[in-house]
Amino acid sequence: MGEIDADLKSLEKIQQGDEAGLTELMSQHRSALFHFIYRYVANEADAAELTEETFFRVYQKANRFQPKAKVVTWIFSIAGNLCRDSIRKNKKRRGDLSLDAEIDGTSGVQRGDTFASDSRNPSEATTSNEALAGVHAEIFALPHKLKFPFIFCILEGNSYDACAEVLKTSRKTVETRIYRARKLLREKLSEMFQEI
């Protein structure tokens, strides 16, 4: 509860024109927000820019915040909308996304989980890298409606309830969207692995 109160106090500072509130929110949430955005847009430079844009919007729209939701929920909602818009604008542009890339010194998938092959055979390693690139591409290609909850909950480890708050929907809807994302990925990936 302390973090929630601190976020609300920081936002109230912004509403009163005190930029220290924005600095507090940024230091509290910048890392997690960047990590999420990076997974979503698959490009480090775009992720950095969208993280900055998210906090700019937080500062700009602080007076519009409705205390019905947590401040962090509102921040991720803004970020999700910016990610979706960015993908639409840059549809042809594809970045490099690595589910096991290090961000802030921690592994991206689940700290310590890897996709590395135990094989020392270079052709098998190449096939493994191609398969991983295919997985990344299929996640990146998911529709926003399915992609946001999949990345937010499954890859980033946030709760379904938190995702439901961000998306302003029910937990059941989040569960359904994640189920559909997994099913779609399973279908696409099974086709891809049959070709290998």
C-alpha atoms as a PDB file:
ATOM      1  CA  MET A   1       0.000   0.000   0.000  1.00  0.00           C
ATOM      2  CA  GLY A   2       2.977   2.323   0.652  1.00  0.00           C
ATOM      3  CA  GLU A   3       4.050   2.303  -3.010  1.00  0.00           C
ATOM      4  CA  ILE A   4       0.512   3.160  -4.117  1.00  0.00           C
ATOM      5  CA  ASP A   5       0.361   6.054  -1.650  1.00  0.00           C
ATOM      6  CA  ALA A   6       3.801   7.250  -2.769  1.00  0.00           C
ATOM      7  CA  ASP A   7       2.730   7.167  -6.438  1.00  0.00           C
ATOM      8  CA  LEU A   8      -0.423   9.133  -5.660  1.00  0.00           C
ATOM      9  CA  LYS A   9       1.559  11.694  -3.654  1.00  0.00           C
ATOM     10  CA  SER A  10       4.016  12.020  -6.538  1.00  0.00           C
ATOM     11  CA  LEU A  11       1.158  12.582  -8.967  1.00  0.00           C
ATOM     12  CA  GLU A  12      -0.382  15.173  -6.649  1.00  0.00           C
ATOM     13  CA  LYS A  13       2.959  17.010  -6.684  1.00  0.00           C
ATOM     14  CA  ILE A  14       2.829  17.066 -10.481  1.00  0.00           C
ATOM     15  CA  GLN A  15      -0.734  18.387 -10.352  1.00  0.00           C
ATOM     16  CA  GLN A  16       0.552  21.233  -8.162  1.00  0.00           C
ATOM     17  CA  GLY A  17       3.294  22.027 -10.679  1.00  0.00           C
ATOM     18  CA  ASP A  18       6.149  20.370  -8.764  1.00  0.00           C
ATOM     19  CA  GLU A  19       8.376  18.473 -11.224  1.00  0.00           C
ATOM     20  CA  ALA A  20       9.886  16.487  -8.336  1.00  0.00           C
ATOM     21  CA  GLY A  21       6.754  14.317  -8.483  1.00  0.00           C
ATOM     22  CA  LEU A  22       7.597  13.304 -12.044  1.00  0.00           C
ATOM     23  CA  THR A  23      11.175  12.512 -11.028  1.00  0.00           C
ATOM     24  CA  GLU A  24       9.841  10.285  -8.238  1.00  0.00           C
ATOM     25  CA  LEU A  25       7.503   8.411 -10.588  1.00  0.00           C
ATOM     26  CA  MET A  26      10.263   7.979 -13.136  1.00  0.00           C
ATOM     27  CA  SER A  27      12.720   6.585 -10.621  1.00  0.00           C
ATOM     28  CA  GLN A  28      10.061   4.207  -9.306  1.00  0.00           C
ATOM     29  CA  HIS A  29       8.676   2.870 -12.607  1.00  0.00           C
ATOM     30  CA  ARG A  30      11.052   3.704 -15.487  1.00  0.00           C
ATOM     31  CA  SER A  31      12.865   0.360 -15.516  1.00  0.00           C
ATOM     32  CA  ALA A  32       9.724  -1.819 -15.535  1.00  0.00           C
ATOM     33  CA  LEU A  33       8.055   0.456 -18.081  1.00  0.00           C
ATOM     34  CA  PHE A  34      11.054   0.418 -20.424  1.00  0.00           C
ATOM     35  CA  HIS A  35      11.290  -3.367 -20.143  1.00  0.00           C
ATOM     36  CA  PHE A  36       7.612  -3.777 -21.065  1.00  0.00           C
ATOM     37  CA  ILE A  37       7.785  -1.291 -23.948  1.00  0.00           C
ATOM     38  CA  TYR A  38      10.968  -2.903 -25.284  1.00  0.00           C
ATOM     39  CA  ARG A  39       9.249  -6.282 -25.401  1.00  0.00           C
ATOM     40  CA  TYR A  40       6.288  -4.708 -27.145  1.00  0.00           C
ATOM     41  CA  VAL A  41       7.985  -2.656 -29.870  1.00  0.00           C
ATOM     42  CA  ALA A  42      11.098  -4.839 -30.295  1.00  0.00           C
ATOM     43  CA  ASN A  43      13.443  -1.899 -30.705  1.00  0.00           C
ATOM     44  CA  GLU A  44      15.617  -0.384 -27.991  1.00  0.00           C
ATOM     45  CA  ALA A  45      15.707   3.148 -29.399  1.00  0.00           C
ATOM     46  CA  ASP A  46      11.933   3.197 -29.870  1.00  0.00           C
ATOM     47  CA  ALA A  47      11.447   1.783 -26.373  1.00  0.00           C
ATOM     48  CA  ALA A  48      13.575   4.552 -24.862  1.00  0.00           C
ATOM     49  CA  GLU A  49      11.685   7.183 -26.833  1.00  0.00           C
ATOM     50  CA  LEU A  50       8.282   5.739 -25.911  1.00  0.00           C
ATOM     51  CA  THR A  51       9.278   5.533 -22.246  1.00  0.00           C
ATOM     52  CA  GLU A  52      10.133   9.238 -22.313  1.00  0.00           C
ATOM     53  CA  GLU A  53       6.911  10.012 -24.187  1.00  0.00           C
ATOM     54  CA  THR A  54       4.905   8.068 -21.600  1.00  0.00           C
ATOM     55  CA  PHE A  55       6.300  10.133 -18.741  1.00  0.00           C
ATOM     56  CA  PHE A  56       5.808  13.328 -20.748  1.00  0.00           C
ATOM     57  CA  ARG A  57       2.136  12.381 -21.165  1.00  0.00           C
ATOM     58  CA  VAL A  58       1.886  11.583 -17.446  1.00  0.00           C
ATOM     59  CA  TYR A  59       3.161  15.083 -16.699  1.00  0.00           C
ATOM     60  CA  GLN A  60       0.932  16.657 -19.330  1.00  0.00           C
ATOM     61  CA  LYS A  61      -2.254  14.821 -18.298  1.00  0.00           C
ATOM     62  CA  ALA A  62      -1.718  14.607 -14.539  1.00  0.00           C
ATOM     63  CA  ASN A  63      -4.790  16.749 -13.880  1.00  0.00           C
ATOM     64  CA  ARG A  64      -6.979  14.281 -15.786  1.00  0.00           C
ATOM     65  CA  PHE A  65      -6.042  11.321 -13.576  1.00  0.00           C
ATOM     66  CA  GLN A  66      -9.049   9.725 -11.915  1.00  0.00           C
ATOM     67  CA  PRO A  67      -8.167   8.032  -8.617  1.00  0.00           C
ATOM     68  CA  LYS A  68     -10.359   5.041  -9.533  1.00  0.00           C
ATOM     69  CA  ALA A  69      -7.223   3.186 -10.615  1.00  0.00           C
ATOM     70  CA  LYS A  70      -3.660   2.972  -9.337  1.00  0.00           C
ATOM     71  CA  VAL A  71      -1.227   5.497 -10.761  1.00  0.00           C
ATOM     72  CA  VAL A  72       1.009   2.723 -12.135  1.00  0.00           C
ATOM     73  CA  THR A  73      -2.001   1.211 -13.908  1.00  0.00           C
ATOM     74  CA  TRP A  74      -2.686   4.553 -15.551  1.00  0.00           C
ATOM     75  CA  ILE A  75       0.975   4.861 -16.588  1.00  0.00           C
ATOM     76  CA  PHE A  76       0.997   1.408 -18.228  1.00  0.00           C
ATOM     77  CA  SER A  77      -2.280   2.217 -19.960  1.00  0.00           C
ATOM     78  CA  ILE A  78      -0.682   5.293 -21.528  1.00  0.00           C
ATOM     79  CA  ALA A  79       2.363   3.221 -22.515  1.00  0.00           C
ATOM     80  CA  GLY A  80       0.213   0.507 -24.091  1.00  0.00           C
ATOM     81  CA  ASN A  81      -1.623   3.052 -26.220  1.00  0.00           C
ATOM     82  CA  LEU A  82       1.640   4.655 -27.316  1.00  0.00           C
ATOM     83  CA  CYS A  83       3.074   1.223 -28.215  1.00  0.00           C
ATOM     84  CA  ARG A  84       0.033   0.331 -30.287  1.00  0.00           C
ATOM     85  CA  ASP A  85       0.187   3.669 -32.114  1.00  0.00           C
ATOM     86  CA  SER A  86       3.919   3.315 -32.706  1.00  0.00           C
ATOM     87  CA  ILE A  87       3.479  -0.156 -34.211  1.00  0.00           C
ATOM     88  CA  ARG A  88       0.765   1.160 -36.521  1.00  0.00           C
ATOM     89  CA  LYS A  89       2.982   4.010 -37.706  1.00  0.00           C
ATOM     90  CA  ASN A  90       6.015   1.799 -38.235  1.00  0.00           C
ATOM     91  CA  LYS A  91       4.304  -1.315 -39.558  1.00  0.00           C
ATOM     92  CA  LYS A  92       7.060  -2.093 -42.039  1.00  0.00           C
ATOM     93  CA  ARG A  93       9.838  -1.496 -39.571  1.00  0.00           C
ATOM     94  CA  ARG A  94      10.929  -4.497 -37.533  1.00  0.00           C
ATOM     95  CA  GLY A  95      13.453  -4.380 -34.697  1.00  0.00           C
ATOM     96  CA  ASP A  96      15.455  -7.046 -33.033  1.00  0.00           C
ATOM     97  CA  LEU A  97      13.795  -8.507 -29.979  1.00  0.00           C
ATOM     98  CA  SER A  98      15.480 -10.983 -27.776  1.00  0.00           C
ATOM     99  CA  LEU A  99      13.450 -12.641 -25.077  1.00  0.00           C
ATOM    100  CA  ASP A 100      16.651 -13.427 -23.233  1.00  0.00           C
ATOM    101  CA  ALA A 101      18.352 -10.073 -23.781  1.00  0.00           C
ATOM    102  CA  GLU A 102      19.697  -8.403 -20.700  1.00  0.00           C
ATOM    103  CA  ILE A 103      17.917  -5.262 -19.626  1.00  0.00           C
ATOM    104  CA  ASP A 104      19.090  -3.579 -16.430  1.00  0.00           C
ATOM    105  CA  GLY A 105      21.395  -6.540 -15.788  1.00  0.00           C
ATOM    106  CA  THR A 106      18.638  -9.163 -15.650  1.00  0.00           C
ATOM    107  CA  SER A 107      17.586 -11.711 -18.207  1.00  0.00           C
ATOM    108  CA  GLY A 108      14.422 -10.874 -20.099  1.00  0.00           C
ATOM    109  CA  VAL A 109      12.457 -14.124 -20.055  1.00  0.00           C
ATOM    110  CA  GLN A 110      12.588 -15.266 -16.468  1.00  0.00           C
ATOM    111  CA  ARG A 111      15.775 -14.491 -14.614  1.00  0.00           C
ATOM    112  CA  GLY A 112      18.023 -17.436 -15.322  1.00  0.00           C
ATOM    113  CA  ASP A 113      15.869 -19.069 -18.021  1.00  0.00           C
ATOM    114  CA  THR A 114      17.641 -19.491 -21.352  1.00  0.00           C
ATOM    115  CA  PHE A 115      16.963 -20.791 -24.794  1.00  0.00           C
ATOM    116  CA  ALA A 116      20.577 -21.699 -25.422  1.00  0.00           C
ATOM    117  CA  SER A 117      21.215 -25.036 -27.058  1.00  0.00           C
ATOM    118  CA  ASP A 118      23.294 -27.633 -25.237  1.00  0.00           C
ATOM    119  CA  SER A 119      24.623 -28.708 -28.616  1.00  0.00           C
ATOM    120  CA  ARG A 120      28.053 -27.683 -29.809  1.00  0.00           C
ATOM    121  CA  ASN A 121      27.088 -28.349 -33.434  1.00  0.00           C
ATOM    122  CA  PRO A 122      27.057 -24.988 -35.316  1.00  0.00           C
ATOM    123  CA  SER A 123      24.265 -26.039 -37.687  1.00  0.00           C
ATOM    124  CA  GLU A 124      22.041 -26.973 -34.745  1.00  0.00           C
ATOM    125  CA  ALA A 125      22.873 -23.664 -33.056  1.00  0.00           C
ATOM    126  CA  THR A 126      21.947 -21.812 -36.263  1.00  0.00           C
ATOM    127  CA  THR A 127      18.660 -23.694 -36.470  1.00  0.00           C
ATOM    128  CA  SER A 128      18.013 -22.853 -32.815  1.00  0.00           C
ATOM    129  CA  ASN A 129      18.712 -19.148 -33.435  1.00  0.00           C
ATOM    130  CA  GLU A 130      16.402 -19.166 -36.456  1.00  0.00           C
ATOM    131  CA  ALA A 131      13.675 -20.814 -34.380  1.00  0.00           C
ATOM    132  CA  LEU A 132      14.074 -18.227 -31.625  1.00  0.00           C
ATOM    133  CA  ALA A 133      13.880 -15.438 -34.200  1.00  0.00           C
ATOM    134  CA  GLY A 134      10.681 -17.041 -35.485  1.00  0.00           C
ATOM    135  CA  VAL A 135       9.211 -17.094 -31.967  1.00  0.00           C
ATOM    136  CA  HIS A 136      10.068 -13.400 -31.560  1.00  0.00           C
ATOM    137  CA  ALA A 137       8.493 -12.573 -34.921  1.00  0.00           C
ATOM    138  CA  GLU A 138       5.272 -14.419 -34.072  1.00  0.00           C
ATOM    139  CA  ILE A 139       4.947 -12.648 -30.707  1.00  0.00           C
ATOM    140  CA  PHE A 140       5.619  -9.319 -32.409  1.00  0.00           C
ATOM    141  CA  ALA A 141       2.946 -10.112 -35.023  1.00  0.00           C
ATOM    142  CA  LEU A 142       0.180 -10.782 -32.475  1.00  0.00           C
ATOM    143  CA  PRO A 143      -2.695  -8.285 -32.641  1.00  0.00           C
ATOM    144  CA  HIS A 144      -2.538  -5.595 -29.931  1.00  0.00           C
ATOM    145  CA  LYS A 145      -5.571  -7.040 -28.171  1.00  0.00           C
ATOM    146  CA  LEU A 146      -3.688 -10.313 -27.597  1.00  0.00           C
ATOM    147  CA  LYS A 147      -0.125  -9.013 -27.571  1.00  0.00           C
ATOM    148  CA  PHE A 148      -0.502  -6.591 -24.654  1.00  0.00           C
ATOM    149  CA  PRO A 149      -1.800  -9.131 -22.111  1.00  0.00           C
ATOM    150  CA  PHE A 150       0.613 -11.843 -23.326  1.00  0.00           C
ATOM    151  CA  ILE A 151       3.666  -9.624 -22.883  1.00  0.00           C
ATOM    152  CA  PHE A 152       2.381  -7.883 -19.729  1.00  0.00           C
ATOM    153  CA  CYS A 153       1.414 -11.088 -17.906  1.00  0.00           C
ATOM    154  CA  ILE A 154       3.333 -13.993 -19.407  1.00  0.00           C
ATOM    155  CA  LEU A 155       6.653 -12.400 -20.370  1.00  0.00           C
ATOM    156  CA  GLU A 156       6.769  -9.635 -17.766  1.00  0.00           C
ATOM    157  CA  GLY A 157       5.162 -11.613 -14.926  1.00  0.00           C
ATOM    158  CA  ASN A 158       2.438  -9.133 -13.981  1.00  0.00           C
ATOM    159  CA  SER A 159      -0.847 -10.394 -12.595  1.00  0.00           C
ATOM    160  CA  TYR A 160      -3.966 -10.912 -14.659  1.00  0.00           C
ATOM    161  CA  ASP A 161      -5.791  -8.540 -12.314  1.00  0.00           C
ATOM    162  CA  ALA A 162      -3.236  -5.773 -12.931  1.00  0.00           C
ATOM    163  CA  CYS A 163      -3.587  -6.318 -16.676  1.00  0.00           C
ATOM    164  CA  ALA A 164      -7.371  -6.143 -16.393  1.00  0.00           C
ATOM    165  CA  GLU A 165      -7.021  -2.787 -14.620  1.00  0.00           C
ATOM    166  CA  VAL A 166      -4.698  -1.412 -17.291  1.00  0.00           C
ATOM    167  CA  LEU A 167      -6.973  -2.571 -20.118  1.00  0.00           C
ATOM    168  CA  LYS A 168     -10.131  -1.558 -18.243  1.00  0.00           C
ATOM    169  CA  THR A 169     -11.622  -4.997 -18.692  1.00  0.00           C
ATOM    170  CA  SER A 170     -12.327  -8.096 -16.629  1.00  0.00           C
ATOM    171  CA  ARG A 171      -9.854 -10.718 -15.466  1.00  0.00           C
ATOM    172  CA  LYS A 172     -11.807 -13.290 -17.505  1.00  0.00           C
ATOM    173  CA  THR A 173     -11.247 -11.234 -20.667  1.00  0.00           C
ATOM    174  CA  VAL A 174      -7.515 -11.107 -19.941  1.00  0.00           C
ATOM    175  CA  GLU A 175      -7.456 -14.880 -19.381  1.00  0.00           C
ATOM    176  CA  THR A 176      -9.316 -15.422 -22.653  1.00  0.00           C
ATOM    177  CA  ARG A 177      -6.970 -13.144 -24.606  1.00  0.00           C
ATOM    178  CA  ILE A 178      -3.898 -14.872 -23.196  1.00  0.00           C
ATOM    179  CA  TYR A 179      -5.421 -18.253 -24.023  1.00  0.00           C
ATOM    180  CA  ARG A 180      -6.078 -17.068 -27.594  1.00  0.00           C
ATOM    181  CA  ALA A 181      -2.535 -15.651 -27.890  1.00  0.00           C
ATOM    182  CA  ARG A 182      -1.040 -18.937 -26.708  1.00  0.00           C
ATOM    183  CA  LYS A 183      -3.249 -20.934 -29.066  1.00  0.00           C
ATOM    184  CA  LEU A 184      -2.344 -18.706 -32.015  1.00  0.00           C
ATOM    185  CA  LEU A 185       1.363 -18.894 -31.158  1.00  0.00           C
ATOM    186  CA  ARG A 186       1.158 -22.669 -30.752  1.00  0.00           C
ATOM    187  CA  GLU A 187      -0.430 -22.999 -34.221  1.00  0.00           C
ATOM    188  CA  LYS A 188       2.051 -20.678 -35.915  1.00  0.00           C
ATOM    189  CA  LEU A 189       5.040 -22.189 -34.163  1.00  0.00           C
ATOM    190  CA  SER A 190       4.013 -25.775 -34.861  1.00  0.00           C
ATOM    191  CA  GLU A 191       3.884 -24.897 -38.571  1.00  0.00           C
ATOM    192  CA  MET A 192       7.286 -23.252 -38.315  1.00  0.00           C
ATOM    193  CA  PHE A 193       8.889 -26.202 -36.481  1.00  0.00           C
ATOM    194  CA  GLN A 194       7.504 -28.678 -39.007  1.00  0.00           C
ATOM    195  CA  GLU A 195       9.415 -26.802 -41.690  1.00  0.00           C
ATOM    196  CA  ILE A 196      12.710 -27.011 -39.768  1.00  0.00           C
END
